[in-house]
Amino acid sequence: MGLIRWLKRLLGLAPADPGAAATAPSRHGPALPSAAVTLNRVHALQARNAQWADIWAELNPGGDPTVQQLLLDLRNDGLQFAPSDGLRRIELACAETAATADVATVLRKVLGKADVLDRFQ
C-alpha cells in the first residue's frame, strides 16, 4: 500500500501530504467580485467622494494584477484628477453587464466604451 502511494506522489497523481490537498491554495487566487457587488462598492465610494487609492483598495481587495492594470488604465484615460467620473463610468458599465459578471469584465467594458465615447461625442 505504501509503495502505491509513493508511486502516485512521484507521478503527481496524489498530494505529497494527505492533508495538503485540503490546505493547498487555489491556483486561480480569490474569486473576483461580481458586477452587483462592484456596483454596491461604487455607490459607497461615490457617497464618500473617494480618491483613486481608495477606489483601488475597494474594487480590488485581493490585489488581482489584471484588475489593478485595468483600474490604472482607467485612471490614465484622462481621469487622474476626476475619480468621480471614473466611478460614474464603472457604475454605468455595471448596470449594462450581467450581475454575475466579474469586476474585470466590467472594467474591460468601461475601457472599451471610453474609446468610443471619446471619439464620437
Protein backbone atom coordinates (compact mmCIF):
# COMPACT_ATOMS: atom_id res chain seq x y z
CA MET A 1 0.00 0.00 0.00
CA GLY A 2 2.82 2.42 0.82
CA LEU A 3 4.51 1.66 -2.49
CA ILE A 4 1.39 2.61 -4.44
CA ARG A 5 1.01 5.91 -2.55
CA TRP A 6 4.71 6.69 -3.12
CA LEU A 7 4.35 5.96 -6.84
CA LYS A 8 1.22 8.17 -7.09
CA ARG A 9 3.06 11.01 -5.33
CA LEU A 10 6.05 10.54 -7.61
CA LEU A 11 3.84 10.78 -10.71
CA GLY A 12 1.93 13.77 -9.34
CA LEU A 13 -1.34 11.87 -9.02
CA ALA A 14 -1.58 12.36 -5.25
CA PRO A 15 -0.51 15.16 -2.88
CA ALA A 16 2.79 14.77 -1.07
CA ASP A 17 0.99 15.06 2.26
CA PRO A 18 -2.50 13.57 2.68
CA GLY A 19 -3.68 16.77 4.44
CA ALA A 20 -2.05 19.05 1.87
CA ALA A 21 -4.90 18.78 -0.65
CA ALA A 22 -7.33 20.42 1.75
CA THR A 23 -4.99 23.30 2.66
CA ALA A 24 -3.35 23.95 -0.71
CA PRO A 25 -4.02 27.45 -2.07
CA SER A 26 -6.03 27.81 -5.23
CA ARG A 27 -4.07 28.36 -8.44
CA HIS A 28 -6.55 31.00 -9.55
CA GLY A 29 -6.44 33.08 -6.37
CA PRO A 30 -9.52 34.58 -4.76
CA ALA A 31 -12.65 34.99 -6.82
CA LEU A 32 -13.21 38.45 -8.27
CA PRO A 33 -16.22 40.44 -7.04
CA SER A 34 -19.33 40.31 -9.23
CA ALA A 35 -20.82 43.30 -11.03
CA ALA A 36 -23.57 43.51 -8.40
CA VAL A 37 -21.02 43.65 -5.56
CA THR A 38 -18.92 46.12 -7.56
CA LEU A 39 -21.96 48.36 -8.07
CA ASN A 40 -22.62 48.42 -4.30
CA ARG A 41 -18.98 49.28 -3.66
CA VAL A 42 -19.06 52.05 -6.29
CA HIS A 43 -22.12 53.60 -4.63
CA ALA A 44 -20.34 53.56 -1.27
CA LEU A 45 -17.23 55.13 -2.83
CA GLN A 46 -19.32 57.84 -4.51
CA ALA A 47 -21.03 58.64 -1.21
CA ARG A 48 -17.71 59.34 0.48
CA ASN A 49 -16.13 61.10 -2.55
CA ALA A 50 -13.29 58.56 -2.68
CA GLN A 51 -9.94 59.17 -4.35
CA TRP A 52 -8.08 56.68 -6.57
CA ALA A 53 -6.19 54.96 -3.73
CA ASP A 54 -9.50 54.17 -2.00
CA ILE A 55 -11.05 53.04 -5.28
CA TRP A 56 -8.17 50.64 -5.98
CA ALA A 57 -8.34 49.19 -2.47
CA GLU A 58 -12.12 48.78 -2.53
CA LEU A 59 -12.59 47.41 -6.04
CA ASN A 60 -9.54 45.13 -5.96
CA PRO A 61 -9.28 43.83 -2.38
CA GLY A 62 -7.50 40.65 -3.47
CA GLY A 63 -4.80 42.54 -5.36
CA ASP A 64 -5.52 40.85 -8.68
CA PRO A 65 -2.92 42.13 -11.19
CA THR A 66 -5.38 42.17 -14.12
CA VAL A 67 -7.93 44.25 -12.23
CA GLN A 68 -5.18 46.56 -10.97
CA GLN A 69 -3.94 47.16 -14.52
CA LEU A 70 -7.47 47.84 -15.76
CA LEU A 71 -8.00 50.35 -12.94
CA LEU A 72 -4.71 52.04 -13.80
CA ASP A 73 -5.70 52.17 -17.47
CA LEU A 74 -8.99 53.80 -16.48
CA ARG A 75 -7.22 56.34 -14.28
CA ASN A 76 -4.70 57.12 -17.01
CA ASP A 77 -7.50 57.63 -19.54
CA GLY A 78 -7.64 61.32 -18.62
CA LEU A 79 -9.25 60.76 -15.23
CA GLN A 80 -6.27 61.35 -12.91
CA PHE A 81 -7.99 64.31 -11.28
CA ALA A 82 -11.58 63.11 -11.68
CA PRO A 83 -12.09 59.86 -9.77
CA SER A 84 -15.81 60.61 -9.54
CA ASP A 85 -16.03 60.42 -13.35
CA GLY A 86 -14.25 57.07 -13.28
CA LEU A 87 -16.71 55.78 -10.70
CA ARG A 88 -19.59 57.02 -12.86
CA ARG A 89 -18.24 55.09 -15.84
CA ILE A 90 -17.89 51.95 -13.71
CA GLU A 91 -21.43 52.44 -12.41
CA LEU A 92 -22.84 52.66 -15.94
CA ALA A 93 -20.90 49.57 -17.05
CA CYS A 94 -22.16 47.61 -14.03
CA ALA A 95 -25.73 48.50 -14.95
CA GLU A 96 -25.18 47.30 -18.53
CA THR A 97 -23.50 43.98 -17.73
CA ALA A 98 -24.92 40.86 -16.16
CA ALA A 99 -24.97 40.94 -12.36
CA THR A 100 -22.84 37.79 -12.28
CA ALA A 101 -20.04 39.22 -14.45
CA ASP A 102 -16.83 39.89 -12.56
CA VAL A 103 -15.17 43.25 -11.95
CA ALA A 104 -12.55 42.62 -14.66
CA THR A 105 -15.32 42.22 -17.25
CA VAL A 106 -16.94 45.44 -16.06
CA LEU A 107 -13.65 47.35 -16.29
CA ARG A 108 -12.96 45.98 -19.77
CA LYS A 109 -16.39 47.23 -20.81
CA VAL A 110 -15.62 50.65 -19.33
CA LEU A 111 -12.35 50.92 -21.22
CA GLY A 112 -13.85 49.73 -24.48
CA LYS A 113 -16.68 52.24 -24.21
CA ALA A 114 -14.31 55.03 -23.18
CA ASP A 115 -12.59 54.91 -26.58
CA VAL A 116 -15.90 55.05 -28.44
CA LEU A 117 -17.30 57.86 -26.30
CA ASP A 118 -14.14 59.95 -26.66
CA ARG A 119 -14.10 59.60 -30.43
CA PHE A 120 -17.75 60.28 -31.22
CA GLN A 121 -19.04 62.61 -28.51
